[in-house]
PDB file of N, CA and C in Angstrom:
ATOM      1  N   UNK A   1     -16.969 -10.658  -9.846  1.00  0.00           N
ATOM      2  CA  UNK A   1     -15.673 -10.144 -10.793  1.00  0.00           C
ATOM      3  C   UNK A   1     -14.293 -10.524  -9.765  1.00  0.00           C
ATOM      4  N   UNK A   2     -13.411 -11.210 -10.551  1.00  0.00           N
ATOM      5  CA  UNK A   2     -12.217 -11.472  -9.865  1.00  0.00           C
ATOM      6  C   UNK A   2     -11.213 -10.318  -9.730  1.00  0.00           C
ATOM      7  N   UNK A   3     -10.851  -9.842  -8.610  1.00  0.00           N
ATOM      8  CA  UNK A   3      -9.952  -8.788  -8.407  1.00  0.00           C
ATOM      9  C   UNK A   3      -8.530  -8.973  -9.354  1.00  0.00           C
ATOM     10  N   UNK A   4      -8.103  -8.029  -9.972  1.00  0.00           N
ATOM     11  CA  UNK A   4      -6.938  -7.923 -10.843  1.00  0.00           C
ATOM     12  C   UNK A   4      -5.802  -7.902  -9.961  1.00  0.00           C
ATOM     13  N   UNK A   5      -5.905  -7.166  -8.715  1.00  0.00           N
ATOM     14  CA  UNK A   5      -4.661  -6.925  -7.814  1.00  0.00           C
ATOM     15  C   UNK A   5      -5.089  -7.257  -6.428  1.00  0.00           C
ATOM     16  N   UNK A   6      -4.012  -7.100  -5.568  1.00  0.00           N
ATOM     17  CA  UNK A   6      -4.464  -7.425  -4.085  1.00  0.00           C
ATOM     18  C   UNK A   6      -5.283  -6.992  -3.553  1.00  0.00           C
ATOM     19  N   UNK A   7      -5.732  -7.509  -2.393  1.00  0.00           N
ATOM     20  CA  UNK A   7      -6.889  -6.797  -1.466  1.00  0.00           C
ATOM     21  C   UNK A   7      -6.144  -5.410  -0.992  1.00  0.00           C
ATOM     22  N   UNK A   8      -6.326  -4.244  -1.441  1.00  0.00           N
ATOM     23  CA  UNK A   8      -5.618  -2.966  -0.934  1.00  0.00           C
ATOM     24  C   UNK A   8      -5.964  -2.779   0.209  1.00  0.00           C
ATOM     25  N   UNK A   9      -7.080  -2.738   0.860  1.00  0.00           N
ATOM     26  CA  UNK A   9      -7.206  -2.364   2.370  1.00  0.00           C
ATOM     27  C   UNK A   9      -6.051  -3.366   3.095  1.00  0.00           C
ATOM     28  N   UNK A  10      -6.264  -4.534   2.954  1.00  0.00           N
ATOM     29  CA  UNK A  10      -5.230  -5.424   3.707  1.00  0.00           C
ATOM     30  C   UNK A  10      -3.399  -5.120   3.293  1.00  0.00           C
ATOM     31  N   UNK A  11      -3.263  -4.949   2.074  1.00  0.00           N
ATOM     32  CA  UNK A  11      -1.958  -4.485   1.450  1.00  0.00           C
ATOM     33  C   UNK A  11      -1.593  -3.283   2.499  1.00  0.00           C
ATOM     34  N   UNK A  12      -2.370  -2.254   2.307  1.00  0.00           N
ATOM     35  CA  UNK A  12      -1.899  -0.897   2.728  1.00  0.00           C
ATOM     36  C   UNK A  12      -1.809  -1.129   4.362  1.00  0.00           C
ATOM     37  N   UNK A  13      -2.805  -1.717   5.117  1.00  0.00           N
ATOM     38  CA  UNK A  13      -2.571  -1.987   6.527  1.00  0.00           C
ATOM     39  C   UNK A  13      -1.352  -2.501   6.784  1.00  0.00           C
ATOM     40  N   UNK A  14      -1.016  -3.680   6.333  1.00  0.00           N
ATOM     41  CA  UNK A  14       0.031  -4.739   6.153  1.00  0.00           C
ATOM     42  C   UNK A  14       1.421  -3.785   6.391  1.00  0.00           C
ATOM     43  N   UNK A  15       1.463  -3.096   5.023  1.00  0.00           N
ATOM     44  CA  UNK A  15       2.322  -2.216   4.804  1.00  0.00           C
ATOM     45  C   UNK A  15       2.860  -1.234   5.763  1.00  0.00           C
ATOM     46  N   UNK A  16       1.790  -0.733   6.287  1.00  0.00           N
ATOM     47  CA  UNK A  16       1.958   0.553   7.405  1.00  0.00           C
ATOM     48  C   UNK A  16       2.225  -0.269   8.693  1.00  0.00           C
ATOM     49  N   UNK A  17       1.737  -1.565   8.835  1.00  0.00           N
ATOM     50  CA  UNK A  17       2.285  -1.910  10.208  1.00  0.00           C
ATOM     51  C   UNK A  17       3.691  -2.659  10.348  1.00  0.00           C
ATOM     52  N   UNK A  18       4.135  -3.213   9.255  1.00  0.00           N
ATOM     53  CA  UNK A  18       5.424  -3.468   9.063  1.00  0.00           C
ATOM     54  C   UNK A  18       6.434  -2.516   9.286  1.00  0.00           C
ATOM     55  N   UNK A  19       6.189  -1.249   8.559  1.00  0.00           N
ATOM     56  CA  UNK A  19       6.856  -0.245   8.567  1.00  0.00           C
ATOM     57  C   UNK A  19       6.899   0.677   9.653  1.00  0.00           C
ATOM     58  N   UNK A  20       5.681   0.370  10.354  1.00  0.00           N
ATOM     59  CA  UNK A  20       5.547   1.329  11.700  1.00  0.00           C
ATOM     60  C   UNK A  20       5.192   2.668  11.099  1.00  0.00           C
ATOM     61  N   UNK A  21       4.604   3.037  10.206  1.00  0.00           N
ATOM     62  CA  UNK A  21       4.211   4.388   9.558  1.00  0.00           C
ATOM     63  C   UNK A  21       2.884   4.784   9.699  1.00  0.00           C
ATOM     64  N   UNK A  22       2.439   6.094   9.703  1.00  0.00           N
ATOM     65  CA  UNK A  22       0.971   6.388   9.724  1.00  0.00           C
ATOM     66  C   UNK A  22       0.586   6.414   8.339  1.00  0.00           C
ATOM     67  N   UNK A  23      -0.889   6.804   8.077  1.00  0.00           N
ATOM     68  CA  UNK A  23      -1.317   6.983   6.884  1.00  0.00           C
ATOM     69  C   UNK A  23      -0.678   8.240   6.262  1.00  0.00           C
ATOM     70  N   UNK A  24      -0.402   9.204   7.095  1.00  0.00           N
ATOM     71  CA  UNK A  24      -0.013  10.503   6.406  1.00  0.00           C
ATOM     72  C   UNK A  24       1.377   9.978   5.905  1.00  0.00           C
ATOM     73  N   UNK A  25       2.251   9.142   6.590  1.00  0.00           N
ATOM     74  CA  UNK A  25       3.584   9.045   6.328  1.00  0.00           C
ATOM     75  C   UNK A  25       3.838   8.369   4.740  1.00  0.00           C
ATOM     76  N   UNK A  26       2.726   7.466   4.589  1.00  0.00           N
ATOM     77  CA  UNK A  26       2.463   6.672   3.422  1.00  0.00           C
ATOM     78  C   UNK A  26       2.367   7.325   2.371  1.00  0.00           C
ATOM     79  N   UNK A  27       1.235   8.495   2.805  1.00  0.00           N
ATOM     80  CA  UNK A  27       0.737   9.259   1.503  1.00  0.00           C
ATOM     81  C   UNK A  27       1.802  10.127   1.295  1.00  0.00           C
ATOM     82  N   UNK A  28       2.796  10.487   1.879  1.00  0.00           N
ATOM     83  CA  UNK A  28       3.892  11.527   2.015  1.00  0.00           C
ATOM     84  C   UNK A  28       4.621  10.724   0.919  1.00  0.00           C
ATOM     85  N   UNK A  29       5.177   9.498   1.157  1.00  0.00           N
ATOM     86  CA  UNK A  29       5.850   8.575   0.378  1.00  0.00           C
ATOM     87  C   UNK A  29       5.353   8.355  -1.116  1.00  0.00           C
ATOM     88  N   UNK A  30       4.076   8.442  -1.146  1.00  0.00           N
ATOM     89  CA  UNK A  30       3.308   8.132  -2.469  1.00  0.00           C
ATOM     90  C   UNK A  30       3.102   9.238  -3.262  1.00  0.00           C
ATOM     91  N   UNK A  31       3.218  10.423  -2.465  1.00  0.00           N
ATOM     92  CA  UNK A  31       2.627  11.584  -3.248  1.00  0.00           C
ATOM     93  C   UNK A  31       1.445  11.842  -3.478  1.00  0.00           C
ATOM     94  N   UNK A  32       0.506  11.274  -2.253  1.00  0.00           N
ATOM     95  CA  UNK A  32      -1.031  11.308  -2.527  1.00  0.00           C
ATOM     96  C   UNK A  32      -1.511  11.737  -1.145  1.00  0.00           C
ATOM     97  N   UNK A  33      -2.609  12.231  -1.131  1.00  0.00           N
ATOM     98  CA  UNK A  33      -3.135  12.842   0.110  1.00  0.00           C
ATOM     99  C   UNK A  33      -3.446  11.792   1.143  1.00  0.00           C
ATOM    100  N   UNK A  34      -3.412  12.140   2.510  1.00  0.00           N
ATOM    101  CA  UNK A  34      -3.693  11.379   3.575  1.00  0.00           C
ATOM    102  C   UNK A  34      -5.193  10.701   3.256  1.00  0.00           C
ATOM    103  N   UNK A  35      -5.976  11.720   2.909  1.00  0.00           N
ATOM    104  CA  UNK A  35      -7.645  11.133   2.751  1.00  0.00           C
ATOM    105  C   UNK A  35      -7.362   9.701   1.776  1.00  0.00           C
ATOM    106  N   UNK A  36      -6.543  10.235   0.831  1.00  0.00           N
ATOM    107  CA  UNK A  36      -6.460   8.807  -0.343  1.00  0.00           C
ATOM    108  C   UNK A  36      -6.069   7.599   0.152  1.00  0.00           C
ATOM    109  N   UNK A  37      -4.974   7.742   0.973  1.00  0.00           N
ATOM    110  CA  UNK A  37      -4.737   6.472   1.905  1.00  0.00           C
ATOM    111  C   UNK A  37      -5.612   6.059   2.385  1.00  0.00           C
ATOM    112  N   UNK A  38      -6.142   6.917   3.356  1.00  0.00           N
ATOM    113  CA  UNK A  38      -7.250   6.325   4.424  1.00  0.00           C
ATOM    114  C   UNK A  38      -8.400   5.761   3.659  1.00  0.00           C
ATOM    115  N   UNK A  39      -9.060   6.279   2.413  1.00  0.00           N
ATOM    116  CA  UNK A  39      -9.873   5.548   1.581  1.00  0.00           C
ATOM    117  C   UNK A  39      -9.489   4.204   1.325  1.00  0.00           C
ATOM    118  N   UNK A  40      -8.145   4.245   0.755  1.00  0.00           N
ATOM    119  CA  UNK A  40      -7.864   2.909   0.159  1.00  0.00           C
ATOM    120  C   UNK A  40      -7.755   1.609   1.728  1.00  0.00           C
ATOM    121  N   UNK A  41      -7.346   2.158   2.505  1.00  0.00           N
ATOM    122  CA  UNK A  41      -7.250   1.325   3.785  1.00  0.00           C
ATOM    123  C   UNK A  41      -8.601   0.754   4.134  1.00  0.00           C
ATOM    124  N   UNK A  42      -9.487   1.786   3.924  1.00  0.00           N
ATOM    125  CA  UNK A  42     -11.001   1.543   4.489  1.00  0.00           C
ATOM    126  C   UNK A  42     -11.846   0.648   3.535  1.00  0.00           C
ATOM    127  N   UNK A  43     -11.303   0.348   2.253  1.00  0.00           N
ATOM    128  CA  UNK A  43     -12.053  -0.073   1.281  1.00  0.00           C
ATOM    129  C   UNK A  43     -12.874   0.881   0.421  1.00  0.00           C
ATOM    130  N   UNK A  44     -12.762   2.284   0.625  1.00  0.00           N
ATOM    131  CA  UNK A  44     -13.815   3.149  -0.036  1.00  0.00           C
ATOM    132  C   UNK A  44     -13.407   3.512  -1.414  1.00  0.00           C
ATOM    133  N   UNK A  45     -12.104   3.082  -1.658  1.00  0.00           N
ATOM    134  CA  UNK A  45     -11.467   3.591  -3.152  1.00  0.00           C
ATOM    135  C   UNK A  45     -10.499   2.546  -3.400  1.00  0.00           C
ATOM    136  N   UNK A  46     -10.088   2.572  -4.600  1.00  0.00           N
ATOM    137  CA  UNK A  46      -9.025   1.708  -5.104  1.00  0.00           C
ATOM    138  C   UNK A  46      -7.830   2.531  -5.706  1.00  0.00           C
ATOM    139  N   UNK A  47      -6.771   2.317  -5.552  1.00  0.00           N
ATOM    140  CA  UNK A  47      -5.752   3.178  -6.182  1.00  0.00           C
ATOM    141  C   UNK A  47      -5.728   3.111  -7.434  1.00  0.00           C
ATOM    142  N   UNK A  48      -5.523   4.502  -8.241  1.00  0.00           N
ATOM    143  CA  UNK A  48      -5.604   4.629  -9.590  1.00  0.00           C
ATOM    144  C   UNK A  48      -4.359   3.936 -10.196  1.00  0.00           C
ATOM    145  N   UNK A  49      -4.501   3.867 -11.682  1.00  0.00           N
ATOM    146  CA  UNK A  49      -3.044   3.095 -12.206  1.00  0.00           C
ATOM    147  C   UNK A  49      -1.757   3.630 -11.822  1.00  0.00           C
ATOM    148  N   UNK A  50      -1.976   5.048 -11.676  1.00  0.00           N
ATOM    149  CA  UNK A  50      -0.480   5.562 -11.267  1.00  0.00           C
ATOM    150  C   UNK A  50      -0.278   5.366  -9.673  1.00  0.00           C
ATOM    151  N   UNK A  51      -1.243   5.441  -9.048  1.00  0.00           N
ATOM    152  CA  UNK A  51      -1.303   5.109  -7.483  1.00  0.00           C
ATOM    153  C   UNK A  51      -0.706   3.672  -7.607  1.00  0.00           C
ATOM    154  N   UNK A  52      -1.191   2.854  -7.944  1.00  0.00           N
ATOM    155  CA  UNK A  52      -1.034   1.592  -7.879  1.00  0.00           C
ATOM    156  C   UNK A  52       0.558   1.413  -8.354  1.00  0.00           C
ATOM    157  N   UNK A  53       1.141   1.875  -9.298  1.00  0.00           N
ATOM    158  CA  UNK A  53       2.532   1.701  -9.824  1.00  0.00           C
ATOM    159  C   UNK A  53       3.413   2.347  -8.821  1.00  0.00           C
ATOM    160  N   UNK A  54       2.956   3.528  -7.976  1.00  0.00           N
ATOM    161  CA  UNK A  54       3.763   4.164  -6.945  1.00  0.00           C
ATOM    162  C   UNK A  54       3.773   3.288  -5.851  1.00  0.00           C
ATOM    163  N   UNK A  55       2.725   2.609  -5.402  1.00  0.00           N
ATOM    164  CA  UNK A  55       2.465   1.773  -4.198  1.00  0.00           C
ATOM    165  C   UNK A  55       3.458   0.505  -4.680  1.00  0.00           C
ATOM    166  N   UNK A  56       3.174  -0.153  -5.606  1.00  0.00           N
ATOM    167  CA  UNK A  56       4.049  -1.177  -5.950  1.00  0.00           C
ATOM    168  C   UNK A  56       5.678  -0.906  -5.818  1.00  0.00           C
ATOM    169  N   UNK A  57       5.949   0.229  -6.313  1.00  0.00           N
ATOM    170  CA  UNK A  57       7.267   0.827  -6.391  1.00  0.00           C
ATOM    171  C   UNK A  57       7.786   0.776  -4.989  1.00  0.00           C
ATOM    172  N   UNK A  58       7.150   1.711  -4.148  1.00  0.00           N
ATOM    173  CA  UNK A  58       7.304   1.584  -2.931  1.00  0.00           C
ATOM    174  C   UNK A  58       7.644   0.362  -2.126  1.00  0.00           C
ATOM    175  N   UNK A  59       6.551  -0.491  -2.236  1.00  0.00           N
ATOM    176  CA  UNK A  59       6.728  -1.770  -1.702  1.00  0.00           C
ATOM    177  C   UNK A  59       7.903  -2.453  -2.129  1.00  0.00           C
ATOM    178  N   UNK A  60       8.378  -2.481  -3.375  1.00  0.00           N
ATOM    179  CA  UNK A  60       9.565  -3.263  -3.875  1.00  0.00           C
ATOM    180  C   UNK A  60      10.888  -2.609  -3.227  1.00  0.00           C
ATOM    181  N   UNK A  61      10.881  -1.205  -3.200  1.00  0.00           N
ATOM    182  CA  UNK A  61      12.125  -0.604  -2.817  1.00  0.00           C
ATOM    183  C   UNK A  61      12.202  -1.028  -1.042  1.00  0.00           C
ATOM    184  N   UNK A  62      11.102  -1.175  -0.392  1.00  0.00           N
ATOM    185  CA  UNK A  62      10.966  -1.437   0.902  1.00  0.00           C
ATOM    186  C   UNK A  62      11.375  -3.001   1.059  1.00  0.00           C
ATOM    187  N   UNK A  63      10.959  -3.783   0.425  1.00  0.00           N
ATOM    188  CA  UNK A  63      11.472  -5.090   0.302  1.00  0.00           C
ATOM    189  C   UNK A  63      12.949  -5.439   0.069  1.00  0.00           C
ATOM    190  N   UNK A  64      13.503  -4.632  -0.892  1.00  0.00           N
ATOM    191  CA  UNK A  64      14.709  -4.438  -1.449  1.00  0.00           C
ATOM    192  C   UNK A  64      15.553  -4.243  -0.179  1.00  0.00           C
ATOM    193  N   UNK A  65      15.091  -3.181   0.454  1.00  0.00           N
ATOM    194  CA  UNK A  65      15.927  -2.664   1.918  1.00  0.00           C
ATOM    195  C   UNK A  65      15.739  -3.731   2.981  1.00  0.00           C
ATOM    196  N   UNK A  66      14.838  -4.629   2.765  1.00  0.00           N
ATOM    197  CA  UNK A  66      14.699  -5.646   3.883  1.00  0.00           C
ATOM    198  C   UNK A  66      13.888  -5.354   4.959  1.00  0.00           C
ATOM    199  N   UNK A  67      13.267  -3.886   4.746  1.00  0.00           N
ATOM    200  CA  UNK A  67      12.117  -3.082   5.746  1.00  0.00           C
ATOM    201  C   UNK A  67      10.836  -4.117   5.623  1.00  0.00           C
ATOM    202  N   UNK A  68      10.539  -4.973   4.485  1.00  0.00           N
ATOM    203  CA  UNK A  68       9.197  -5.067   4.139  1.00  0.00           C
ATOM    204  C   UNK A  68       9.102  -6.772   3.604  1.00  0.00           C
ATOM    205  N   UNK A  69       8.332  -7.591   4.375  1.00  0.00           N
ATOM    206  CA  UNK A  69       8.455  -9.049   3.804  1.00  0.00           C
ATOM    207  C   UNK A  69       6.728  -9.360   3.734  1.00  0.00           C
ATOM    208  N   UNK A  70       6.343  -9.219   2.691  1.00  0.00           N
ATOM    209  CA  UNK A  70       4.856  -9.707   1.999  1.00  0.00           C
ATOM    210  C   UNK A  70       4.785 -11.088   1.528  1.00  0.00           C
ATOM    211  N   UNK A  71       5.713 -11.849   1.690  1.00  0.00           N
ATOM    212  CA  UNK A  71       5.676 -13.145   1.476  1.00  0.00           C
ATOM    213  C   UNK A  71       4.635 -13.973   2.157  1.00  0.00           C
ATOM    214  N   UNK A  72       4.383 -13.693   3.446  1.00  0.00           N
ATOM    215  CA  UNK A  72       3.619 -14.506   4.075  1.00  0.00           C
ATOM    216  C   UNK A  72       2.193 -14.078   3.899  1.00  0.00           C
ATOM    217  N   UNK A  73       2.049 -13.111   3.158  1.00  0.00           N
ATOM    218  CA  UNK A  73       0.466 -12.469   2.928  1.00  0.00           C
ATOM    219  C   UNK A  73      -0.075 -12.989   1.459  1.00  0.00           C
ATOM    220  N   UNK A  74      -1.220 -12.729   1.245  1.00  0.00           N
ATOM    221  CA  UNK A  74      -1.740 -12.850  -0.124  1.00  0.00           C
ATOM    222  C   UNK A  74      -1.621 -11.764  -1.167  1.00  0.00           C
ATOM    223  N   UNK A  75      -0.956 -10.792  -0.367  1.00  0.00           N
ATOM    224  CA  UNK A  75      -0.657  -9.624  -1.340  1.00  0.00           C
ATOM    225  C   UNK A  75       0.693  -9.403  -2.190  1.00  0.00           C
ATOM    226  N   UNK A  76       1.548 -10.584  -1.848  1.00  0.00           N
ATOM    227  CA  UNK A  76       2.497 -10.361  -2.891  1.00  0.00           C
ATOM    228  C   UNK A  76       3.927 -10.672  -2.083  1.00  0.00           C
TER     229      UNK A  76
END
């Protein structure tokens, strides 16, 4: 089955790497638990529809602020 959205483990790792933030920091930004971000990053779970929207919105804000550049990745 073809994935509908990006490779979330790679996306989460790349976002955190570029922003130099911890899983806890990202969880706080998205309003989810640290364990949730940890499961996404380790491929044990995929974000819910709401969490995907929050993650996408966060990434867009960071791109707009010039803090994030995902153009070189397959994630968008």
